Amino acid sequence: MTRILKVVQQGEAFAVQSQKAEGGQTMKCNIVLQELGGKYGDQYVATMLGNDAMSRFYGGDLVAVALRFSAREYNGAMYQDILVTEIKKV
């Protein structure tokens, strides 16, 4: 499902190891997104990978974004990951 969200902030991109990427590395950054509806709208911290991580968005930008939510267990604790699968400035 595609959502229209507002960018709160985006971190700097950095290289990480990747078995799937050519050359063994890909770029990664985090982005904070907020639902429309005022300053108390739900927020998400999501990961952007590859070319998406190299794109630059600024606070207040509106974006159309597809997110993939997943959960995993590690050492008896549960963690949730949010991955940006596609993002475009509106």
PDB file of N, CA and C in Angstrom:
ATOM      1  N   MET A   1       0.838  -1.167   0.000  1.00  0.00           N
ATOM      2  CA  MET A   1       0.000   0.000   0.000  1.00  0.00           C
ATOM      3  C   MET A   1       0.894   1.245   0.000  1.00  0.00           C
ATOM      4  N   THR A   2       0.580   2.192  -0.830  1.00  0.00           N
ATOM      5  CA  THR A   2       1.324   3.443  -0.907  1.00  0.00           C
ATOM      6  C   THR A   2       0.653   4.479  -0.010  1.00  0.00           C
ATOM      7  N   ARG A   3       1.482   5.227   0.708  1.00  0.00           N
ATOM      8  CA  ARG A   3       0.983   6.257   1.613  1.00  0.00           C
ATOM      9  C   ARG A   3       1.589   7.600   1.235  1.00  0.00           C
ATOM     10  N   ILE A   4       0.890   8.684   1.546  1.00  0.00           N
ATOM     11  CA  ILE A   4       1.444  10.026   1.432  1.00  0.00           C
ATOM     12  C   ILE A   4       1.833  10.430   2.853  1.00  0.00           C
ATOM     13  N   LEU A   5       3.121  10.667   3.057  1.00  0.00           N
ATOM     14  CA  LEU A   5       3.644  11.015   4.375  1.00  0.00           C
ATOM     15  C   LEU A   5       4.515  12.255   4.269  1.00  0.00           C
ATOM     16  N   LYS A   6       4.747  12.890   5.407  1.00  0.00           N
ATOM     17  CA  LYS A   6       5.608  14.075   5.477  1.00  0.00           C
ATOM     18  C   LYS A   6       6.964  13.659   6.040  1.00  0.00           C
ATOM     19  N   VAL A   7       8.041  14.154   5.433  1.00  0.00           N
ATOM     20  CA  VAL A   7       9.386  13.884   5.929  1.00  0.00           C
ATOM     21  C   VAL A   7       9.634  14.770   7.150  1.00  0.00           C
ATOM     22  N   VAL A   8      10.101  14.160   8.241  1.00  0.00           N
ATOM     23  CA  VAL A   8      10.502  14.903   9.432  1.00  0.00           C
ATOM     24  C   VAL A   8      11.996  15.194   9.342  1.00  0.00           C
ATOM     25  N   GLN A   9      12.778  14.154   9.067  1.00  0.00           N
ATOM     26  CA  GLN A   9      14.218  14.312   8.862  1.00  0.00           C
ATOM     27  C   GLN A   9      14.791  13.068   8.211  1.00  0.00           C
ATOM     28  N   GLN A  10      15.967  13.217   7.634  1.00  0.00           N
ATOM     29  CA  GLN A  10      16.668  12.105   6.992  1.00  0.00           C
ATOM     30  C   GLN A  10      18.117  12.135   7.443  1.00  0.00           C
ATOM     31  N   GLY A  11      18.655  10.966   7.790  1.00  0.00           N
ATOM     32  CA  GLY A  11      20.049  10.859   8.176  1.00  0.00           C
ATOM     33  C   GLY A  11      20.957  10.776   6.961  1.00  0.00           C
ATOM     34  N   GLU A  12      22.249  10.844   7.217  1.00  0.00           N
ATOM     35  CA  GLU A  12      23.243  10.735   6.154  1.00  0.00           C
ATOM     36  C   GLU A  12      23.386   9.280   5.708  1.00  0.00           C
ATOM     37  N   ALA A  13      23.625   9.082   4.429  1.00  0.00           N
ATOM     38  CA  ALA A  13      23.823   7.744   3.874  1.00  0.00           C
ATOM     39  C   ALA A  13      25.228   7.249   4.214  1.00  0.00           C
ATOM     40  N   PHE A  14      25.327   5.937   4.466  1.00  0.00           N
ATOM     41  CA  PHE A  14      26.620   5.316   4.728  1.00  0.00           C
ATOM     42  C   PHE A  14      26.637   3.919   4.123  1.00  0.00           C
ATOM     43  N   ALA A  15      27.840   3.406   3.860  1.00  0.00           N
ATOM     44  CA  ALA A  15      27.993   2.102   3.212  1.00  0.00           C
ATOM     45  C   ALA A  15      27.881   0.982   4.246  1.00  0.00           C
ATOM     46  N   VAL A  16      27.188  -0.101   3.865  1.00  0.00           N
ATOM     47  CA  VAL A  16      27.080  -1.299   4.698  1.00  0.00           C
ATOM     48  C   VAL A  16      27.366  -2.523   3.833  1.00  0.00           C
ATOM     49  N   GLN A  17      27.761  -3.599   4.469  1.00  0.00           N
ATOM     50  CA  GLN A  17      28.009  -4.852   3.770  1.00  0.00           C
ATOM     51  C   GLN A  17      26.687  -5.446   3.298  1.00  0.00           C
ATOM     52  N   SER A  18      26.683  -6.006   2.085  1.00  0.00           N
ATOM     53  CA  SER A  18      25.483  -6.617   1.525  1.00  0.00           C
ATOM     54  C   SER A  18      25.882  -7.772   0.630  1.00  0.00           C
ATOM     55  N   GLN A  19      25.323  -8.947   0.908  1.00  0.00           N
ATOM     56  CA  GLN A  19      25.586 -10.107   0.057  1.00  0.00           C
ATOM     57  C   GLN A  19      24.836 -10.002  -1.269  1.00  0.00           C
ATOM     58  N   LYS A  20      23.771  -9.212  -1.306  1.00  0.00           N
ATOM     59  CA  LYS A  20      22.945  -9.096  -2.506  1.00  0.00           C
ATOM     60  C   LYS A  20      23.464  -8.045  -3.487  1.00  0.00           C
ATOM     61  N   ALA A  21      24.212  -7.065  -2.990  1.00  0.00           N
ATOM     62  CA  ALA A  21      24.657  -5.955  -3.837  1.00  0.00           C
ATOM     63  C   ALA A  21      25.933  -6.315  -4.589  1.00  0.00           C
ATOM     64  N   GLU A  22      26.016  -5.770  -5.793  1.00  0.00           N
ATOM     65  CA  GLU A  22      27.231  -5.936  -6.582  1.00  0.00           C
ATOM     66  C   GLU A  22      28.360  -5.208  -5.859  1.00  0.00           C
ATOM     67  N   GLY A  23      29.496  -5.854  -5.699  1.00  0.00           N
ATOM     68  CA  GLY A  23      30.619  -5.253  -4.988  1.00  0.00           C
ATOM     69  C   GLY A  23      30.581  -5.490  -3.487  1.00  0.00           C
ATOM     70  N   GLY A  24      29.514  -6.123  -2.993  1.00  0.00           N
ATOM     71  CA  GLY A  24      29.445  -6.476  -1.585  1.00  0.00           C
ATOM     72  C   GLY A  24      29.051  -5.354  -0.641  1.00  0.00           C
ATOM     73  N   GLN A  25      28.727  -4.167  -1.166  1.00  0.00           N
ATOM     74  CA  GLN A  25      28.310  -3.048  -0.331  1.00  0.00           C
ATOM     75  C   GLN A  25      27.105  -2.347  -0.943  1.00  0.00           C
ATOM     76  N   THR A  26      26.292  -1.754  -0.080  1.00  0.00           N
ATOM     77  CA  THR A  26      25.182  -0.911  -0.522  1.00  0.00           C
ATOM     78  C   THR A  26      25.104   0.282   0.417  1.00  0.00           C
ATOM     79  N   MET A  27      24.392   1.299   0.003  1.00  0.00           N
ATOM     80  CA  MET A  27      24.209   2.486   0.831  1.00  0.00           C
ATOM     81  C   MET A  27      22.937   2.335   1.665  1.00  0.00           C
ATOM     82  N   LYS A  28      22.963   2.939   2.862  1.00  0.00           N
ATOM     83  CA  LYS A  28      21.848   2.832   3.791  1.00  0.00           C
ATOM     84  C   LYS A  28      21.689   4.148   4.534  1.00  0.00           C
ATOM     85  N   CYS A  29      20.439   4.537   4.820  1.00  0.00           N
ATOM     86  CA  CYS A  29      20.174   5.684   5.699  1.00  0.00           C
ATOM     87  C   CYS A  29      18.797   5.505   6.326  1.00  0.00           C
ATOM     88  N   ASN A  30      18.560   6.241   7.388  1.00  0.00           N
ATOM     89  CA  ASN A  30      17.260   6.233   8.053  1.00  0.00           C
ATOM     90  C   ASN A  30      16.517   7.508   7.702  1.00  0.00           C
ATOM     91  N   ILE A  31      15.195   7.396   7.673  1.00  0.00           N
ATOM     92  CA  ILE A  31      14.343   8.551   7.411  1.00  0.00           C
ATOM     93  C   ILE A  31      13.172   8.485   8.388  1.00  0.00           C
ATOM     94  N   VAL A  32      12.807   9.645   8.945  1.00  0.00           N
ATOM     95  CA  VAL A  32      11.663   9.735   9.852  1.00  0.00           C
ATOM     96  C   VAL A  32      10.510  10.324   9.052  1.00  0.00           C
ATOM     97  N   LEU A  33       9.401   9.589   9.014  1.00  0.00           N
ATOM     98  CA  LEU A  33       8.216   9.981   8.256  1.00  0.00           C
ATOM     99  C   LEU A  33       7.038  10.138   9.207  1.00  0.00           C
ATOM    100  N   GLN A  34       6.130  11.079   8.892  1.00  0.00           N
ATOM    101  CA  GLN A  34       4.973  11.326   9.756  1.00  0.00           C
ATOM    102  C   GLN A  34       3.701  11.353   8.929  1.00  0.00           C
ATOM    103  N   GLU A  35       2.650  10.747   9.496  1.00  0.00           N
ATOM    104  CA  GLU A  35       1.351  10.798   8.843  1.00  0.00           C
ATOM    105  C   GLU A  35       0.805  12.215   8.904  1.00  0.00           C
ATOM    106  N   LEU A  36       0.009  12.574   7.924  1.00  0.00           N
ATOM    107  CA  LEU A  36      -0.612  13.898   7.897  1.00  0.00           C
ATOM    108  C   LEU A  36      -1.673  13.985   8.987  1.00  0.00           C
ATOM    109  N   GLY A  37      -1.939  15.213   9.440  1.00  0.00           N
ATOM    110  CA  GLY A  37      -2.975  15.380  10.452  1.00  0.00           C
ATOM    111  C   GLY A  37      -2.489  16.128  11.676  1.00  0.00           C
ATOM    112  N   GLY A  38      -1.440  16.896  11.532  1.00  0.00           N
ATOM    113  CA  GLY A  38      -0.976  17.687  12.666  1.00  0.00           C
ATOM    114  C   GLY A  38       0.324  17.169  13.253  1.00  0.00           C
ATOM    115  N   LYS A  39       0.804  17.893  14.261  1.00  0.00           N
ATOM    116  CA  LYS A  39       2.117  17.563  14.813  1.00  0.00           C
ATOM    117  C   LYS A  39       2.126  16.287  15.651  1.00  0.00           C
ATOM    118  N   TYR A  40       0.954  15.718  15.942  1.00  0.00           N
ATOM    119  CA  TYR A  40       0.906  14.484  16.729  1.00  0.00           C
ATOM    120  C   TYR A  40       0.572  13.257  15.890  1.00  0.00           C
ATOM    121  N   GLY A  41       0.703  13.373  14.559  1.00  0.00           N
ATOM    122  CA  GLY A  41       0.463  12.229  13.687  1.00  0.00           C
ATOM    123  C   GLY A  41       1.483  11.125  13.948  1.00  0.00           C
ATOM    124  N   ASP A  42       1.107   9.885  13.683  1.00  0.00           N
ATOM    125  CA  ASP A  42       2.015   8.756  13.876  1.00  0.00           C
ATOM    126  C   ASP A  42       3.288   8.956  13.071  1.00  0.00           C
ATOM    127  N   GLN A  43       4.420   8.564  13.655  1.00  0.00           N
ATOM    128  CA  GLN A  43       5.710   8.673  12.991  1.00  0.00           C
ATOM    129  C   GLN A  43       6.333   7.296  12.826  1.00  0.00           C
ATOM    130  N   TYR A  44       7.147   7.159  11.789  1.00  0.00           N
ATOM    131  CA  TYR A  44       7.851   5.923  11.489  1.00  0.00           C
ATOM    132  C   TYR A  44       9.322   6.236  11.233  1.00  0.00           C
ATOM    133  N   VAL A  45      10.204   5.429  11.773  1.00  0.00           N
ATOM    134  CA  VAL A  45      11.620   5.499  11.412  1.00  0.00           C
ATOM    135  C   VAL A  45      11.861   4.327  10.482  1.00  0.00           C
ATOM    136  N   ALA A  46      12.186   4.626   9.241  1.00  0.00           N
ATOM    137  CA  ALA A  46      12.328   3.584   8.220  1.00  0.00           C
ATOM    138  C   ALA A  46      13.739   3.612   7.640  1.00  0.00           C
ATOM    139  N   THR A  47      14.132   2.486   7.068  1.00  0.00           N
ATOM    140  CA  THR A  47      15.441   2.349   6.442  1.00  0.00           C
ATOM    141  C   THR A  47      15.284   2.464   4.934  1.00  0.00           C
ATOM    142  N   MET A  48      16.186   3.240   4.315  1.00  0.00           N
ATOM    143  CA  MET A  48      16.253   3.313   2.856  1.00  0.00           C
ATOM    144  C   MET A  48      17.574   2.698   2.436  1.00  0.00           C
ATOM    145  N   LEU A  49      17.541   1.881   1.368  1.00  0.00           N
ATOM    146  CA  LEU A  49      18.733   1.188   0.890  1.00  0.00           C
ATOM    147  C   LEU A  49      19.032   1.546  -0.563  1.00  0.00           C
ATOM    148  N   GLY A  50      20.279   1.361  -0.956  1.00  0.00           N
ATOM    149  CA  GLY A  50      20.683   1.514  -2.351  1.00  0.00           C
ATOM    150  C   GLY A  50      20.500   2.917  -2.872  1.00  0.00           C
ATOM    151  N   ASN A  51      19.936   3.039  -4.092  1.00  0.00           N
ATOM    152  CA  ASN A  51      19.730   4.341  -4.720  1.00  0.00           C
ATOM    153  C   ASN A  51      18.781   5.220  -3.917  1.00  0.00           C
ATOM    154  N   ASP A  52      17.788   4.620  -3.254  1.00  0.00           N
ATOM    155  CA  ASP A  52      16.871   5.414  -2.430  1.00  0.00           C
ATOM    156  C   ASP A  52      17.634   6.128  -1.322  1.00  0.00           C
ATOM    157  N   ALA A  53      18.634   5.466  -0.735  1.00  0.00           N
ATOM    158  CA  ALA A  53      19.421   6.072   0.344  1.00  0.00           C
ATOM    159  C   ALA A  53      20.215   7.275  -0.138  1.00  0.00           C
ATOM    160  N   MET A  54      20.520   7.313  -1.431  1.00  0.00           N
ATOM    161  CA  MET A  54      21.282   8.429  -1.991  1.00  0.00           C
ATOM    162  C   MET A  54      20.379   9.618  -2.353  1.00  0.00           C
ATOM    163  N   SER A  55      19.059   9.407  -2.366  1.00  0.00           N
ATOM    164  CA  SER A  55      18.117  10.494  -2.619  1.00  0.00           C
ATOM    165  C   SER A  55      18.064  11.381  -1.387  1.00  0.00           C
ATOM    166  N   ARG A  56      17.833  12.673  -1.587  1.00  0.00           N
ATOM    167  CA  ARG A  56      17.815  13.609  -0.463  1.00  0.00           C
ATOM    168  C   ARG A  56      16.423  14.200  -0.312  1.00  0.00           C
ATOM    169  N   PHE A  57      15.862  14.069   0.888  1.00  0.00           N
ATOM    170  CA  PHE A  57      14.566  14.652   1.230  1.00  0.00           C
ATOM    171  C   PHE A  57      14.761  15.556   2.438  1.00  0.00           C
ATOM    172  N   TYR A  58      13.905  16.558   2.570  1.00  0.00           N
ATOM    173  CA  TYR A  58      14.055  17.561   3.617  1.00  0.00           C
ATOM    174  C   TYR A  58      12.785  17.646   4.453  1.00  0.00           C
ATOM    175  N   GLY A  59      12.929  18.096   5.693  1.00  0.00           N
ATOM    176  CA  GLY A  59      11.786  18.245   6.579  1.00  0.00           C
ATOM    177  C   GLY A  59      10.675  19.030   5.918  1.00  0.00           C
ATOM    178  N   GLY A  60       9.456  18.513   5.969  1.00  0.00           N
ATOM    179  CA  GLY A  60       8.302  19.163   5.347  1.00  0.00           C
ATOM    180  C   GLY A  60       7.972  18.654   3.965  1.00  0.00           C
ATOM    181  N   ASP A  61       8.926  17.967   3.294  1.00  0.00           N
ATOM    182  CA  ASP A  61       8.633  17.380   1.980  1.00  0.00           C
ATOM    183  C   ASP A  61       7.507  16.360   2.111  1.00  0.00           C
ATOM    184  N   LEU A  62       6.602  16.353   1.145  1.00  0.00           N
ATOM    185  CA  LEU A  62       5.584  15.299   1.064  1.00  0.00           C
ATOM    186  C   LEU A  62       6.089  14.233   0.109  1.00  0.00           C
ATOM    187  N   VAL A  63       5.958  12.978   0.520  1.00  0.00           N
ATOM    188  CA  VAL A  63       6.432  11.871  -0.305  1.00  0.00           C
ATOM    189  C   VAL A  63       5.357  10.798  -0.412  1.00  0.00           C
ATOM    190  N   ALA A  64       5.318  10.151  -1.568  1.00  0.00           N
ATOM    191  CA  ALA A  64       4.527   8.934  -1.748  1.00  0.00           C
ATOM    192  C   ALA A  64       5.487   7.801  -1.464  1.00  0.00           C
ATOM    193  N   VAL A  65       5.141   6.950  -0.521  1.00  0.00           N
ATOM    194  CA  VAL A  65       6.087   5.935  -0.075  1.00  0.00           C
ATOM    195  C   VAL A  65       5.390   4.596   0.145  1.00  0.00           C
ATOM    196  N   ALA A  66       6.076   3.537  -0.254  1.00  0.00           N
ATOM    197  CA  ALA A  66       5.631   2.174   0.023  1.00  0.00           C
ATOM    198  C   ALA A  66       6.565   1.623   1.097  1.00  0.00           C
ATOM    199  N   LEU A  67       5.986   1.136   2.199  1.00  0.00           N
ATOM    200  CA  LEU A  67       6.762   0.616   3.322  1.00  0.00           C
ATOM    201  C   LEU A  67       6.525  -0.880   3.478  1.00  0.00           C
ATOM    202  N   ARG A  68       7.580  -1.601   3.875  1.00  0.00           N
ATOM    203  CA  ARG A  68       7.443  -3.030   4.197  1.00  0.00           C
ATOM    204  C   ARG A  68       7.752  -3.197   5.673  1.00  0.00           C
ATOM    205  N   PHE A  69       6.783  -3.689   6.425  1.00  0.00           N
ATOM    206  CA  PHE A  69       6.932  -3.922   7.856  1.00  0.00           C
ATOM    207  C   PHE A  69       7.271  -5.393   8.073  1.00  0.00           C
ATOM    208  N   SER A  70       8.263  -5.652   8.922  1.00  0.00           N
ATOM    209  CA  SER A  70       8.595  -7.034   9.255  1.00  0.00           C
ATOM    210  C   SER A  70       9.021  -7.106  10.718  1.00  0.00           C
ATOM    211  N   ALA A  71       8.897  -8.293  11.289  1.00  0.00           N
ATOM    212  CA  ALA A  71       9.308  -8.529  12.674  1.00  0.00           C
ATOM    213  C   ALA A  71      10.240  -9.732  12.690  1.00  0.00           C
ATOM    214  N   ARG A  72      11.194  -9.693  13.629  1.00  0.00           N
ATOM    215  CA  ARG A  72      12.130 -10.817  13.748  1.00  0.00           C
ATOM    216  C   ARG A  72      12.507 -10.989  15.200  1.00  0.00           C
ATOM    217  N   GLU A  73      12.958 -12.182  15.510  1.00  0.00           N
ATOM    218  CA  GLU A  73      13.397 -12.488  16.866  1.00  0.00           C
ATOM    219  C   GLU A  73      14.916 -12.612  16.867  1.00  0.00           C
ATOM    220  N   TYR A  74      15.556 -12.054  17.883  1.00  0.00           N
ATOM    221  CA  TYR A  74      17.006 -12.146  18.026  1.00  0.00           C
ATOM    222  C   TYR A  74      17.329 -12.263  19.508  1.00  0.00           C
ATOM    223  N   ASN A  75      17.955 -13.359  19.892  1.00  0.00           N
ATOM    224  CA  ASN A  75      18.314 -13.619  21.298  1.00  0.00           C
ATOM    225  C   ASN A  75      17.124 -13.477  22.236  1.00  0.00           C
ATOM    226  N   GLY A  76      15.978 -13.973  21.814  1.00  0.00           N
ATOM    227  CA  GLY A  76      14.796 -13.970  22.661  1.00  0.00           C
ATOM    228  C   GLY A  76      14.009 -12.671  22.671  1.00  0.00           C
ATOM    229  N   ALA A  77      14.465 -11.657  21.970  1.00  0.00           N
ATOM    230  CA  ALA A  77      13.746 -10.381  21.904  1.00  0.00           C
ATOM    231  C   ALA A  77      13.189 -10.186  20.505  1.00  0.00           C
ATOM    232  N   MET A  78      12.043  -9.509  20.423  1.00  0.00           N
ATOM    233  CA  MET A  78      11.409  -9.241  19.137  1.00  0.00           C
ATOM    234  C   MET A  78      11.750  -7.823  18.688  1.00  0.00           C
ATOM    235  N   TYR A  79      12.012  -7.675  17.388  1.00  0.00           N
ATOM    236  CA  TYR A  79      12.338  -6.384  16.792  1.00  0.00           C
ATOM    237  C   TYR A  79      11.482  -6.176  15.560  1.00  0.00           C
ATOM    238  N   GLN A  80      11.112  -4.920  15.312  1.00  0.00           N
ATOM    239  CA  GLN A  80      10.364  -4.591  14.104  1.00  0.00           C
ATOM    240  C   GLN A  80      11.242  -3.757  13.191  1.00  0.00           C
ATOM    241  N   ASP A  81      11.224  -4.064  11.911  1.00  0.00           N
ATOM    242  CA  ASP A  81      11.954  -3.309  10.900  1.00  0.00           C
ATOM    243  C   ASP A  81      10.944  -2.695   9.932  1.00  0.00           C
ATOM    244  N   ILE A  82      11.238  -1.474   9.490  1.00  0.00           N
ATOM    245  CA  ILE A  82      10.426  -0.815   8.471  1.00  0.00           C
ATOM    246  C   ILE A  82      11.368  -0.440   7.337  1.00  0.00           C
ATOM    247  N   LEU A  83      11.095  -0.960   6.158  1.00  0.00           N
ATOM    248  CA  LEU A  83      11.930  -0.724   4.985  1.00  0.00           C
ATOM    249  C   LEU A  83      11.149   0.062   3.940  1.00  0.00           C
ATOM    250  N   VAL A  84      11.776   1.105   3.405  1.00  0.00           N
ATOM    251  CA  VAL A  84      11.189   1.852   2.294  1.00  0.00           C
ATOM    252  C   VAL A  84      11.452   1.036   1.026  1.00  0.00           C
ATOM    253  N   THR A  85      10.384   0.592   0.363  1.00  0.00           N
ATOM    254  CA  THR A  85      10.558  -0.174  -0.870  1.00  0.00           C
ATOM    255  C   THR A  85      10.498   0.730  -2.092  1.00  0.00           C
ATOM    256  N   GLU A  86       9.842   1.889  -1.961  1.00  0.00           N
ATOM    257  CA  GLU A  86       9.804   2.892  -3.037  1.00  0.00           C
ATOM    258  C   GLU A  86       9.411   4.218  -2.426  1.00  0.00           C
ATOM    259  N   ILE A  87      10.038   5.299  -2.908  1.00  0.00           N
ATOM    260  CA  ILE A  87       9.730   6.629  -2.399  1.00  0.00           C
ATOM    261  C   ILE A  87       9.891   7.649  -3.510  1.00  0.00           C
ATOM    262  N   LYS A  88       8.920   8.544  -3.613  1.00  0.00           N
ATOM    263  CA  LYS A  88       8.928   9.609  -4.629  1.00  0.00           C
ATOM    264  C   LYS A  88       8.415  10.888  -3.995  1.00  0.00           C
ATOM    265  N   LYS A  89       9.064  12.015  -4.285  1.00  0.00           N
ATOM    266  CA  LYS A  89       8.590  13.307  -3.791  1.00  0.00           C
ATOM    267  C   LYS A  89       7.306  13.676  -4.533  1.00  0.00           C
ATOM    268  N   VAL A  90       6.323  14.177  -3.798  1.00  0.00           N
ATOM    269  CA  VAL A  90       5.030  14.566  -4.382  1.00  0.00           C
ATOM    270  C   VAL A  90       5.115  16.011  -4.849  1.00  0.00           C
TER     271      VAL A  90
END
